[in-house]
Protein backbone atom coordinates (compact mmCIF):
# COMPACT_ATOMS: atom_id res chain seq x y z
CA MET A 1 94.61 92.39 92.72
CA ILE A 2 92.32 92.12 89.59
CA SER A 3 92.10 88.24 90.42
CA GLN A 4 91.43 88.94 93.85
CA ILE A 5 88.54 91.12 93.07
CA ASP A 6 87.09 88.62 90.57
CA GLU A 7 87.18 85.86 93.20
CA ALA A 8 85.59 88.36 95.77
CA LEU A 9 82.51 89.09 93.40
CA ARG A 10 82.29 85.34 92.68
CA THR A 11 82.24 84.58 96.45
CA LEU A 12 79.60 87.05 96.95
CA VAL A 13 77.27 86.18 94.02
CA ARG A 14 77.29 82.43 94.95
CA ALA A 15 76.60 83.15 98.80
CA GLU A 16 73.94 85.91 98.74
CA ALA A 17 72.72 86.16 95.11
CA LEU A 18 72.35 82.55 94.26
CA ASP A 19 71.83 81.50 98.11
CA GLY A 20 74.58 78.86 97.69
CA ALA A 21 72.82 77.17 94.69
CA SER A 22 75.12 74.54 92.93
CA ASP A 23 73.11 74.38 89.71
CA VAL A 24 74.14 77.84 88.69
CA GLU A 25 77.65 78.50 87.43
CA VAL A 26 79.48 81.68 87.92
CA VAL A 27 82.11 82.37 85.27
CA LEU A 28 84.34 85.16 84.07
CA ASP A 29 84.01 84.29 80.32
CA ALA A 30 83.77 86.69 77.36
CA PRO A 31 80.01 86.28 76.20
CA THR A 32 80.68 85.70 72.55
CA LYS A 33 78.31 84.14 70.07
CA ASP A 34 80.56 80.90 70.16
CA TRP A 35 80.61 80.91 74.00
CA ALA A 36 76.70 81.37 74.25
CA ALA A 37 76.38 78.47 71.90
CA ARG A 38 78.35 76.09 73.99
CA ARG A 39 76.57 77.05 77.40
CA ASN A 40 74.42 74.25 78.53
CA ALA A 41 73.67 75.02 82.13
CA PRO A 42 72.07 78.04 84.14
CA THR A 43 74.91 80.60 84.09
CA VAL A 44 75.71 84.13 85.73
CA ASN A 45 78.58 85.80 83.76
CA LEU A 46 80.68 88.41 85.25
CA TYR A 47 82.77 89.80 82.34
CA LEU A 48 85.44 92.28 83.17
CA TYR A 49 85.40 94.52 79.88
CA ASP A 50 86.92 97.82 81.04
CA ILE A 51 89.88 99.00 83.26
CA ARG A 52 90.51 102.75 83.56
CA GLU A 53 92.06 105.01 86.31
CA ASP A 54 89.42 107.12 88.27
CA LEU A 55 91.29 110.49 88.22
CA ARG A 56 88.91 111.99 90.73
CA ARG A 57 90.32 109.86 93.39
CA ARG A 58 94.00 110.51 92.70
CA GLU A 59 96.12 111.66 95.82
CA VAL A 60 99.28 113.50 96.10
CA GLY A 61 101.66 112.71 98.95
CA VAL A 62 102.96 109.70 100.91
CA ARG A 63 101.67 107.32 103.55
CA ASP A 64 103.46 105.89 106.35
CA ARG A 65 103.83 102.21 106.67
CA LEU A 66 103.81 101.08 110.37
CA GLY A 67 105.44 98.16 111.90
CA PRO A 68 103.72 96.15 115.03
CA ASP A 69 105.03 98.60 117.37
CA GLY A 70 103.72 101.51 115.67
CA ALA A 71 107.21 102.66 114.67
CA VAL A 72 107.53 104.12 110.93
CA LEU A 73 109.09 101.51 108.66
CA GLY A 74 108.67 103.32 105.32
CA ARG A 75 106.71 105.65 103.17
CA ILE A 76 104.56 104.82 100.21
CA PRO A 77 102.95 106.87 97.65
CA ALA A 78 99.19 107.24 98.02
CA PRO A 79 97.29 104.43 96.11
CA ARG A 80 95.74 105.04 92.49
CA TYR A 81 92.17 104.13 92.15
CA PHE A 82 91.31 102.02 89.19
CA LYS A 83 87.47 101.31 87.78
CA LEU A 84 87.09 97.72 86.95
CA SER A 85 83.95 97.51 84.80
CA TYR A 86 82.10 94.30 84.79
CA LEU A 87 79.17 93.36 82.39
CA VAL A 88 76.83 90.97 84.40
CA THR A 89 74.52 88.89 82.60
CA ALA A 90 72.33 85.73 83.30
CA TRP A 91 72.09 82.85 80.83
CA THR A 92 69.38 80.16 80.96
CA GLN A 93 66.78 78.51 78.41
CA ARG A 94 64.06 81.00 79.27
CA PRO A 95 63.95 84.87 79.56
CA GLU A 96 61.93 84.80 82.57
CA ASP A 97 64.37 82.63 84.50
CA GLU A 98 67.23 85.13 83.51
CA HIS A 99 65.08 88.12 84.74
CA ARG A 100 64.73 86.42 88.01
CA LEU A 101 68.42 85.78 88.14
CA LEU A 102 69.07 89.53 87.34
CA ALA A 103 66.75 90.80 90.06
CA ALA A 104 68.54 88.35 92.70
CA LEU A 105 71.83 90.01 91.45
CA LEU A 106 70.48 93.35 91.69
CA ASN A 107 69.05 92.80 95.43
CA CYS A 108 72.44 91.40 96.41
CA LEU A 109 74.64 94.08 95.20
CA LEU A 110 72.48 97.06 96.07
CA ARG A 111 73.09 96.29 99.75
CA TYR A 112 76.66 97.41 99.61
CA ASP A 113 78.29 100.71 98.69
CA ALA A 114 81.66 98.81 98.77
CA LEU A 115 82.85 95.08 98.74
CA PRO A 116 81.97 93.77 102.09
CA PRO A 117 84.54 92.87 104.56
CA HIS A 118 84.14 89.13 104.68
CA VAL A 119 84.94 88.85 100.68
CA VAL A 120 87.29 91.92 100.40
CA PRO A 121 91.06 90.89 99.71
CA GLY A 122 93.25 90.96 102.77
CA VAL A 123 95.81 93.31 101.31
CA LEU A 124 93.00 96.10 101.38
CA THR A 125 91.86 95.49 104.80
CA ASP A 126 95.47 95.28 106.14
CA ASN A 127 95.94 98.79 104.98
CA GLY A 128 92.51 100.33 105.98
CA LEU A 129 91.34 100.54 102.45
CA VAL A 130 87.92 99.81 100.91
CA ALA A 131 86.85 99.14 97.21
CA PRO A 132 83.62 101.15 96.53
CA LEU A 133 81.34 99.63 93.87
CA THR A 134 78.35 100.98 91.91
CA ILE A 135 75.35 99.37 90.07
CA GLY A 136 73.56 100.27 87.04
CA LEU A 137 75.01 103.65 86.31
CA PRO A 138 74.92 105.09 82.88
CA PRO A 139 77.96 104.25 80.97
CA PRO A 140 80.61 106.96 80.08
CA GLU A 141 79.75 109.42 77.33
CA ASP A 142 82.54 107.45 75.15
CA ARG A 143 81.16 104.05 75.62
CA ALA A 144 77.76 102.48 75.12
CA PHE A 145 76.73 98.97 76.00
CA ALA A 146 75.73 98.31 72.45
CA ASP A 147 79.44 99.00 71.44
CA VAL A 148 80.53 96.33 74.03
CA TRP A 149 78.19 93.51 72.43
CA THR A 150 79.38 94.38 69.05
CA ALA A 151 82.75 94.07 69.76
CA LEU A 152 81.98 90.68 71.33
CA GLY A 153 80.11 89.63 68.37
CA GLY A 154 77.11 88.75 70.04
CA GLU A 155 73.38 89.75 70.22
CA LEU A 156 72.20 92.76 72.77
CA LYS A 157 71.37 90.93 76.02
CA PRO A 158 69.72 92.59 79.39
CA SER A 159 72.92 93.03 81.66
CA ILE A 160 73.95 95.02 84.80
CA ASP A 161 77.01 97.33 84.71
CA LEU A 162 79.07 96.69 87.86
CA VAL A 163 81.92 98.92 88.45
CA VAL A 164 84.50 98.13 91.37
CA ILE A 165 86.76 100.95 92.25
CA VAL A 166 90.15 99.37 93.33
CA PRO A 167 93.06 101.15 95.19
CA MET A 168 96.15 99.82 93.70
CA ALA A 169 99.67 100.45 95.02
CA ALA A 170 102.45 101.58 92.70
CA GLY A 171 105.00 99.18 94.33
CA LEU A 172 107.42 101.76 95.46
CA GLU A 173 108.47 102.43 99.05
CA GLU A 174 111.03 104.89 100.68
CA ALA A 175 112.73 103.31 103.54
CA ALA A 176 112.42 105.37 106.73
CA GLY A 177 115.47 106.61 108.64
CA PRO A 178 116.26 105.09 112.17
CA PRO A 179 114.38 106.91 115.06
CA VAL A 180 115.98 110.12 116.62
CA ARG A 181 117.27 109.07 119.88
CA GLU A 182 119.24 112.17 120.97
CA GLY A 183 118.62 115.98 120.42
CA LEU A 184 120.59 117.94 117.82
CA TYR A 185 124.08 118.93 118.27
CA VAL A 186 125.98 121.65 116.31
CA THR A 187 129.62 122.22 115.95
CA LEU A 188 130.80 125.83 115.46
CA ALA A 189 134.18 127.38 114.35
CA ASP A 190 135.46 130.90 114.46
CA ARG A 191 137.14 131.64 111.27
CA VAL A 192 139.20 134.53 112.82
CA ASP A 193 141.04 133.07 116.08
CA GLY A 194 140.14 129.50 115.54
CA GLY A 195 137.98 129.01 118.61
CA THR A 196 135.25 126.29 118.37
CA ASP A 197 132.17 124.84 119.88
CA GLU A 198 132.26 121.05 119.78
CA ARG A 199 128.84 119.09 119.64
CA ARG A 200 126.86 121.81 121.43
CA HIS A 201 123.14 122.20 121.88
CA GLN A 202 123.58 125.91 122.03
CA HIS A 203 126.46 128.37 122.45
CA GLN A 204 127.98 128.68 125.80
CA PRO A 205 129.89 131.82 126.97
CA PRO A 206 133.10 131.86 128.25
CA GLU A 207 133.87 130.85 131.87
CA PRO A 208 133.71 133.81 134.58
CA ALA A 209 137.38 134.06 135.01
CA ALA A 210 138.23 134.24 131.47
CA ALA A 211 135.47 136.87 130.90
CA ALA A 212 136.88 138.93 133.86
CA SER A 213 140.33 138.72 132.27
CA SER A 214 139.10 139.92 129.01
CA GLY A 215 137.25 142.69 130.71
CA ALA A 216 140.17 143.88 132.40
CA ALA A 217 142.43 144.13 129.27
CA THR A 218 139.55 145.87 127.55
CA SER A 219 139.32 148.55 130.49
CA ALA A 220 143.20 149.01 130.46
CA THR A 221 143.24 149.44 126.61
CA SER A 222 140.46 152.08 126.99
CA THR A 223 142.09 154.00 129.73
CA ALA A 224 145.57 154.17 127.71
CA SER A 225 143.40 155.27 124.77
CA GLY A 226 141.84 158.06 126.83
CA GLY A 227 145.33 159.24 128.12
CA ARG A 228 146.63 159.44 124.60
CA ARG A 229 143.72 161.62 123.46
CA ALA A 230 143.99 163.96 126.49
CA ARG A 231 147.63 164.72 125.90
CA ALA A 232 146.96 165.26 122.16
CA ARG A 233 144.21 167.75 123.07
CA LYS A 234 146.69 169.61 125.65
CA ARG A 235 149.48 170.07 123.14
CA ALA A 236 146.88 171.40 120.39
CA GLY A 237 145.67 174.15 123.08
CA GLY A 238 149.05 175.11 124.15
């Protein structure tokens, strides 16, 4: 994904900031002192100097991956967002020309809150994602631009801080089960008399004949029990 963002930025700068000019190079090199000494043509340098996760955008949960027919094929974790910080500089023989290039770069990049659709990598557009960008914001408290130049071994130079926030997938996916084609069935078993309900949507009562037979047996049992209780009371009273 990083190389795709690199190429998207180069395409955007060439087409809009430089208006297709072929005499200005667009590179991704570290602007060290040795590199600056070897440079012999007008150059715009997009140097990626920092990569870190944007924790404010971290999400919890999963997203459905859909097939062409809309069926769920799998579930993937929410993407993690990473901030790609670029040190944008212009290099010519005269400071005035460098400033004009920087102004053209600013005018180009300020038009967009995210990488435009015509340069954004297909892997993002295919999943309905965007890559937001910011221009010229103050650096984090734990880092200063002077520190970047010191680490590069070069002299401090006018620059633009460009940050592209890129959603990146973790590469994990859970396959979705087959679609449900029939309702839920339940099999029940009576642990006392062994009766069962096989693959039922719901319990079904006994047939009427069986219910009547069961009711008659219950009535006969109740009558016999009542007679025995009456004879017992008579003997006790006599």
